Amino acid sequence: VNIMMKNMLDLMLGSLFYFYIGYQLTFGAGGNSFVGNLGAEFTDPIFFVFQWSFAATASTIDSGACAERVDLFGYVIVSAVTTGIIYPIVAHWGWTSEGWLAQEGYIDFAGSSIVHMVGGVSALLSSLCLGPRIGRFPKFRGFKSKPLQKIFMQHHHENYYRGLFTEVEKDTADINMGSRNPSQALFGTFLLWVAWYSF
């Protein structure tokens, strides 16, 4: 439910941010090699919806990496910045004739690097900031050096991340972490597989 709600927020809020800011940062005529023109006129609604789906995809990659570890308000901020500013600028670099990557001869196949690279880097940085899921890795070993603890934002002692000290916590974790549904996992795999073929 956590991820589904975040994905819906990505779609709803992301559409607003992409409509008012992101689309123009990407495809605004009269821009430079770094960014499009914010004052450009919006002309093609079908092309907008197509491009918005890529922007929303880039921001939803974060939801899985941050699942159940991030405050909803913080996630909304990351999603809005990704959809409205970061992704559009990177897309301008590679998908417009004015972009500096395109001028260097860069070719991106259906968003394979622009969309997924932006989402993946954002997810990686979010995960590094959040740290591991508490109680998920009982043998977790943190960084010993202070600089690495600062870089990877390890704010607590490694015992904090190991978690599950009481019997009630251990029993609850066994129930929650042990539950899997292979049928749903297989159905989801086929659904994504077929959907991407049609794409």
C-alpha atoms as a PDB file:
ATOM      1  CA  VAL A   1       0.000   0.000   0.000  1.00  0.00           C
ATOM      2  CA  ASN A   2       2.889   2.324   0.816  1.00  0.00           C
ATOM      3  CA  ILE A   3       4.383   2.053  -2.676  1.00  0.00           C
ATOM      4  CA  MET A   4       1.002   2.216  -4.422  1.00  0.00           C
ATOM      5  CA  MET A   5       0.164   5.459  -2.636  1.00  0.00           C
ATOM      6  CA  LYS A   6       3.553   6.945  -3.530  1.00  0.00           C
ATOM      7  CA  ASN A   7       3.117   5.965  -7.179  1.00  0.00           C
ATOM      8  CA  MET A   8      -0.298   7.642  -7.272  1.00  0.00           C
ATOM      9  CA  LEU A   9       1.215  10.774  -5.733  1.00  0.00           C
ATOM     10  CA  ASP A  10       3.971  10.624  -8.343  1.00  0.00           C
ATOM     11  CA  LEU A  11       1.372  10.592 -11.090  1.00  0.00           C
ATOM     12  CA  MET A  12      -0.867  13.318  -9.649  1.00  0.00           C
ATOM     13  CA  LEU A  13       1.729  15.774  -8.360  1.00  0.00           C
ATOM     14  CA  GLY A  14       4.246  14.866 -11.033  1.00  0.00           C
ATOM     15  CA  SER A  15       1.785  15.826 -13.755  1.00  0.00           C
ATOM     16  CA  LEU A  16       1.404  19.299 -12.248  1.00  0.00           C
ATOM     17  CA  PHE A  17       5.126  19.878 -11.798  1.00  0.00           C
ATOM     18  CA  TYR A  18       5.922  18.506 -15.250  1.00  0.00           C
ATOM     19  CA  PHE A  19       3.164  20.576 -16.872  1.00  0.00           C
ATOM     20  CA  TYR A  20       4.124  23.883 -15.274  1.00  0.00           C
ATOM     21  CA  ILE A  21       7.911  23.524 -15.153  1.00  0.00           C
ATOM     22  CA  GLY A  22       9.385  20.278 -16.462  1.00  0.00           C
ATOM     23  CA  TYR A  23       8.027  20.138 -19.987  1.00  0.00           C
ATOM     24  CA  GLN A  24       9.335  23.620 -20.744  1.00  0.00           C
ATOM     25  CA  LEU A  25      12.716  22.830 -19.178  1.00  0.00           C
ATOM     26  CA  THR A  26      12.952  19.894 -21.571  1.00  0.00           C
ATOM     27  CA  PHE A  27      11.348  21.033 -24.801  1.00  0.00           C
ATOM     28  CA  GLY A  28      11.003  24.817 -24.433  1.00  0.00           C
ATOM     29  CA  ALA A  29      12.079  26.362 -27.721  1.00  0.00           C
ATOM     30  CA  GLY A  30      14.818  28.953 -27.566  1.00  0.00           C
ATOM     31  CA  GLY A  31      16.746  27.328 -24.744  1.00  0.00           C
ATOM     32  CA  ASN A  32      20.443  26.590 -24.610  1.00  0.00           C
ATOM     33  CA  SER A  33      22.448  23.355 -24.530  1.00  0.00           C
ATOM     34  CA  PHE A  34      21.850  22.947 -20.786  1.00  0.00           C
ATOM     35  CA  VAL A  35      18.135  23.705 -20.347  1.00  0.00           C
ATOM     36  CA  GLY A  36      15.027  24.628 -22.343  1.00  0.00           C
ATOM     37  CA  ASN A  37      13.197  27.950 -22.251  1.00  0.00           C
ATOM     38  CA  LEU A  38      10.730  28.300 -19.347  1.00  0.00           C
ATOM     39  CA  GLY A  39       8.729  30.916 -21.248  1.00  0.00           C
ATOM     40  CA  ALA A  40       8.082  28.681 -24.263  1.00  0.00           C
ATOM     41  CA  GLU A  41       4.556  28.058 -25.494  1.00  0.00           C
ATOM     42  CA  PHE A  42       2.855  24.694 -24.847  1.00  0.00           C
ATOM     43  CA  THR A  43       1.693  23.293 -28.207  1.00  0.00           C
ATOM     44  CA  ASP A  44       1.244  19.491 -28.351  1.00  0.00           C
ATOM     45  CA  PRO A  45      -0.834  17.826 -25.573  1.00  0.00           C
ATOM     46  CA  ILE A  46      -0.355  14.280 -26.895  1.00  0.00           C
ATOM     47  CA  PHE A  47       3.423  14.654 -26.957  1.00  0.00           C
ATOM     48  CA  PHE A  48       3.211  16.121 -23.441  1.00  0.00           C
ATOM     49  CA  VAL A  49       1.367  13.052 -22.076  1.00  0.00           C
ATOM     50  CA  PHE A  50       3.888  10.747 -23.741  1.00  0.00           C
ATOM     51  CA  GLN A  51       6.836  12.614 -22.224  1.00  0.00           C
ATOM     52  CA  TRP A  52       5.110  12.970 -18.859  1.00  0.00           C
ATOM     53  CA  SER A  53       4.906   9.165 -18.615  1.00  0.00           C
ATOM     54  CA  PHE A  54       8.711   9.039 -18.812  1.00  0.00           C
ATOM     55  CA  ALA A  55       9.082  11.731 -16.156  1.00  0.00           C
ATOM     56  CA  ALA A  56       6.670   9.881 -13.859  1.00  0.00           C
ATOM     57  CA  THR A  57       8.574   6.630 -14.437  1.00  0.00           C
ATOM     58  CA  ALA A  58      11.846   8.267 -13.417  1.00  0.00           C
ATOM     59  CA  SER A  59      10.300   9.447 -10.159  1.00  0.00           C
ATOM     60  CA  THR A  60       8.539   6.175  -9.295  1.00  0.00           C
ATOM     61  CA  ILE A  61      11.831   4.261  -9.237  1.00  0.00           C
ATOM     62  CA  ASP A  62      12.511   5.999  -5.905  1.00  0.00           C
ATOM     63  CA  SER A  63       9.399   4.568  -4.281  1.00  0.00           C
ATOM     64  CA  GLY A  64      10.739   1.027  -4.251  1.00  0.00           C
ATOM     65  CA  ALA A  65      14.151   2.049  -2.951  1.00  0.00           C
ATOM     66  CA  CYS A  66      12.624   4.087  -0.120  1.00  0.00           C
ATOM     67  CA  ALA A  67       9.769   1.727   0.715  1.00  0.00           C
ATOM     68  CA  GLU A  68       8.578   2.046   4.322  1.00  0.00           C
ATOM     69  CA  ARG A  69      11.599   4.097   5.353  1.00  0.00           C
ATOM     70  CA  VAL A  70      10.837   7.645   4.362  1.00  0.00           C
ATOM     71  CA  ASP A  71       8.375  10.257   5.541  1.00  0.00           C
ATOM     72  CA  LEU A  72       5.604  10.875   3.006  1.00  0.00           C
ATOM     73  CA  PHE A  73       6.238  14.626   2.901  1.00  0.00           C
ATOM     74  CA  GLY A  74       9.957  14.057   2.258  1.00  0.00           C
ATOM     75  CA  TYR A  75       9.156  11.617  -0.517  1.00  0.00           C
ATOM     76  CA  VAL A  76       6.757  14.080  -2.159  1.00  0.00           C
ATOM     77  CA  ILE A  77       9.528  16.702  -2.212  1.00  0.00           C
ATOM     78  CA  VAL A  78      11.998  14.273  -3.823  1.00  0.00           C
ATOM     79  CA  SER A  79       9.366  13.216  -6.358  1.00  0.00           C
ATOM     80  CA  ALA A  80       8.428  16.797  -7.256  1.00  0.00           C
ATOM     81  CA  VAL A  81      12.062  17.857  -7.704  1.00  0.00           C
ATOM     82  CA  THR A  82      12.811  14.771  -9.804  1.00  0.00           C
ATOM     83  CA  THR A  83       9.753  15.197 -12.042  1.00  0.00           C
ATOM     84  CA  GLY A  84       9.823  18.971 -12.316  1.00  0.00           C
ATOM     85  CA  ILE A  85      13.528  19.827 -12.438  1.00  0.00           C
ATOM     86  CA  ILE A  86      16.150  17.041 -12.468  1.00  0.00           C
ATOM     87  CA  TYR A  87      14.653  14.668 -15.041  1.00  0.00           C
ATOM     88  CA  PRO A  88      13.587  17.434 -17.470  1.00  0.00           C
ATOM     89  CA  ILE A  89      17.072  18.934 -17.539  1.00  0.00           C
ATOM     90  CA  VAL A  90      18.717  15.562 -18.225  1.00  0.00           C
ATOM     91  CA  ALA A  91      16.075  14.774 -20.869  1.00  0.00           C
ATOM     92  CA  HIS A  92      16.833  18.107 -22.548  1.00  0.00           C
ATOM     93  CA  TRP A  93      20.493  17.139 -22.766  1.00  0.00           C
ATOM     94  CA  GLY A  94      19.814  13.954 -24.722  1.00  0.00           C
ATOM     95  CA  TRP A  95      16.403  14.278 -26.377  1.00  0.00           C
ATOM     96  CA  THR A  96      16.498  17.700 -28.005  1.00  0.00           C
ATOM     97  CA  SER A  97      18.668  18.894 -30.858  1.00  0.00           C
ATOM     98  CA  GLU A  98      19.917  21.773 -28.644  1.00  0.00           C
ATOM     99  CA  GLY A  99      21.059  19.499 -25.786  1.00  0.00           C
ATOM    100  CA  TRP A 100      24.790  19.108 -25.302  1.00  0.00           C
ATOM    101  CA  LEU A 101      24.640  15.286 -25.202  1.00  0.00           C
ATOM    102  CA  ALA A 102      22.684  15.168 -28.463  1.00  0.00           C
ATOM    103  CA  GLN A 103      25.189  17.526 -30.064  1.00  0.00           C
ATOM    104  CA  GLU A 104      27.968  15.114 -29.080  1.00  0.00           C
ATOM    105  CA  GLY A 105      26.179  12.314 -30.959  1.00  0.00           C
ATOM    106  CA  TYR A 106      24.483  10.655 -27.984  1.00  0.00           C
ATOM    107  CA  ILE A 107      21.570   8.329 -28.851  1.00  0.00           C
ATOM    108  CA  ASP A 108      19.181   7.068 -26.172  1.00  0.00           C
ATOM    109  CA  PHE A 109      16.974   4.093 -26.984  1.00  0.00           C
ATOM    110  CA  ALA A 110      13.455   4.673 -25.585  1.00  0.00           C
ATOM    111  CA  GLY A 111      14.672   6.189 -22.334  1.00  0.00           C
ATOM    112  CA  SER A 112      16.881   3.268 -21.444  1.00  0.00           C
ATOM    113  CA  SER A 113      19.536   5.506 -19.971  1.00  0.00           C
ATOM    114  CA  ILE A 114      17.951   8.914 -19.454  1.00  0.00           C
ATOM    115  CA  VAL A 115      14.819   7.731 -17.638  1.00  0.00           C
ATOM    116  CA  HIS A 116      16.336   4.835 -15.735  1.00  0.00           C
ATOM    117  CA  MET A 117      19.643   6.526 -15.002  1.00  0.00           C
ATOM    118  CA  VAL A 118      17.932   9.512 -13.388  1.00  0.00           C
ATOM    119  CA  GLY A 119      15.587   7.266 -11.407  1.00  0.00           C
ATOM    120  CA  GLY A 120      18.353   4.845 -10.456  1.00  0.00           C
ATOM    121  CA  VAL A 121      20.783   7.512  -9.275  1.00  0.00           C
ATOM    122  CA  SER A 122      18.008   9.187  -7.301  1.00  0.00           C
ATOM    123  CA  ALA A 123      17.058   5.838  -5.731  1.00  0.00           C
ATOM    124  CA  LEU A 124      20.697   5.088  -4.889  1.00  0.00           C
ATOM    125  CA  LEU A 125      21.213   8.459  -3.220  1.00  0.00           C
ATOM    126  CA  SER A 126      17.934   8.136  -1.329  1.00  0.00           C
ATOM    127  CA  SER A 127      18.911   4.671  -0.098  1.00  0.00           C
ATOM    128  CA  LEU A 128      22.314   5.885   1.022  1.00  0.00           C
ATOM    129  CA  CYS A 129      20.669   8.714   2.976  1.00  0.00           C
ATOM    130  CA  LEU A 130      18.070   6.454   4.599  1.00  0.00           C
ATOM    131  CA  GLY A 131      20.298   3.523   5.511  1.00  0.00           C
ATOM    132  CA  PRO A 132      19.161  -0.103   5.743  1.00  0.00           C
ATOM    133  CA  ARG A 133      15.711  -1.161   6.863  1.00  0.00           C
ATOM    134  CA  ILE A 134      15.711  -1.415  10.633  1.00  0.00           C
ATOM    135  CA  GLY A 135      15.656  -5.038  11.739  1.00  0.00           C
ATOM    136  CA  ARG A 136      15.895  -6.459   8.241  1.00  0.00           C
ATOM    137  CA  PHE A 137      19.607  -7.296   8.408  1.00  0.00           C
ATOM    138  CA  PRO A 138      20.492  -8.740  11.814  1.00  0.00           C
ATOM    139  CA  LYS A 139      24.180  -9.083  10.855  1.00  0.00           C
ATOM    140  CA  PHE A 140      24.487  -5.499   9.590  1.00  0.00           C
ATOM    141  CA  ARG A 141      27.971  -4.039   9.997  1.00  0.00           C
ATOM    142  CA  GLY A 142      28.284  -0.291   9.766  1.00  0.00           C
ATOM    143  CA  PHE A 143      31.209   1.819   8.682  1.00  0.00           C
ATOM    144  CA  LYS A 144      33.901   2.233  11.314  1.00  0.00           C
ATOM    145  CA  SER A 145      35.514   5.376   9.953  1.00  0.00           C
ATOM    146  CA  LYS A 146      33.902   8.714  10.793  1.00  0.00           C
ATOM    147  CA  PRO A 147      34.242  10.133   7.240  1.00  0.00           C
ATOM    148  CA  LEU A 148      32.416   7.144   5.739  1.00  0.00           C
ATOM    149  CA  GLN A 149      29.740   7.408   8.420  1.00  0.00           C
ATOM    150  CA  LYS A 150      29.239  11.045   7.397  1.00  0.00           C
ATOM    151  CA  ILE A 151      29.235  10.309   3.644  1.00  0.00           C
ATOM    152  CA  PHE A 152      26.709   7.481   3.948  1.00  0.00           C
ATOM    153  CA  MET A 153      24.748   9.275   6.687  1.00  0.00           C
ATOM    154  CA  GLN A 154      25.047   6.493   9.229  1.00  0.00           C
ATOM    155  CA  HIS A 155      23.663   8.474  12.146  1.00  0.00           C
ATOM    156  CA  HIS A 156      23.277   5.600  14.590  1.00  0.00           C
ATOM    157  CA  HIS A 157      25.335   2.750  15.969  1.00  0.00           C
ATOM    158  CA  GLU A 158      25.097  -0.452  13.924  1.00  0.00           C
ATOM    159  CA  ASN A 159      22.992  -2.088  16.663  1.00  0.00           C
ATOM    160  CA  TYR A 160      20.232   0.415  15.854  1.00  0.00           C
ATOM    161  CA  TYR A 161      19.937  -0.967  12.315  1.00  0.00           C
ATOM    162  CA  ARG A 162      20.037  -4.552  13.491  1.00  0.00           C
ATOM    163  CA  GLY A 163      16.981  -3.828  15.643  1.00  0.00           C
ATOM    164  CA  LEU A 164      14.488  -6.343  17.028  1.00  0.00           C
ATOM    165  CA  PHE A 165      15.596  -6.558  20.632  1.00  0.00           C
ATOM    166  CA  THR A 166      12.408  -7.749  22.322  1.00  0.00           C
ATOM    167  CA  GLU A 167      10.566 -11.028  21.772  1.00  0.00           C
ATOM    168  CA  VAL A 168       7.458  -9.181  20.545  1.00  0.00           C
ATOM    169  CA  GLU A 169       9.504  -7.389  17.866  1.00  0.00           C
ATOM    170  CA  LYS A 170      11.102 -10.646  16.772  1.00  0.00           C
ATOM    171  CA  ASP A 171       7.758 -12.450  16.532  1.00  0.00           C
ATOM    172  CA  THR A 172       6.212  -9.599  14.533  1.00  0.00           C
ATOM    173  CA  ALA A 173       9.202  -9.440  12.175  1.00  0.00           C
ATOM    174  CA  ASP A 174       9.069 -13.183  11.550  1.00  0.00           C
ATOM    175  CA  ILE A 175       5.414 -12.905  10.541  1.00  0.00           C
ATOM    176  CA  ASN A 176       5.846  -9.800   8.358  1.00  0.00           C
ATOM    177  CA  MET A 177       9.209 -10.534   6.747  1.00  0.00           C
ATOM    178  CA  GLY A 178       8.457 -14.187   6.145  1.00  0.00           C
ATOM    179  CA  SER A 179       5.284 -13.597   4.151  1.00  0.00           C
ATOM    180  CA  ARG A 180       5.706 -13.942   0.395  1.00  0.00           C
ATOM    181  CA  ASN A 181       3.306 -14.657  -2.421  1.00  0.00           C
ATOM    182  CA  PRO A 182       5.025 -16.344  -5.374  1.00  0.00           C
ATOM    183  CA  SER A 183       1.835 -16.283  -7.460  1.00  0.00           C
ATOM    184  CA  GLN A 184       1.565 -12.519  -7.241  1.00  0.00           C
ATOM    185  CA  ALA A 185       5.282 -12.104  -7.932  1.00  0.00           C
ATOM    186  CA  LEU A 186       4.991 -14.269 -11.051  1.00  0.00           C
ATOM    187  CA  PHE A 187       1.858 -12.426 -12.215  1.00  0.00           C
ATOM    188  CA  GLY A 188       3.603  -9.075 -11.729  1.00  0.00           C
ATOM    189  CA  THR A 189       6.616 -10.292 -13.688  1.00  0.00           C
ATOM    190  CA  PHE A 190       4.474 -11.385 -16.633  1.00  0.00           C
ATOM    191  CA  LEU A 191       2.447  -8.185 -16.495  1.00  0.00           C
ATOM    192  CA  LEU A 192       5.561  -6.019 -16.712  1.00  0.00           C
ATOM    193  CA  TRP A 193       7.122  -8.272 -19.313  1.00  0.00           C
ATOM    194  CA  VAL A 194       4.131  -8.143 -21.672  1.00  0.00           C
ATOM    195  CA  ALA A 195       3.534  -4.435 -21.049  1.00  0.00           C
ATOM    196  CA  TRP A 196       7.111  -3.558 -21.976  1.00  0.00           C
ATOM    197  CA  TYR A 197       6.896  -5.647 -25.134  1.00  0.00           C
ATOM    198  CA  SER A 198       3.856  -3.693 -26.216  1.00  0.00           C
ATOM    199  CA  PHE A 199       5.694  -0.470 -25.428  1.00  0.00           C
END
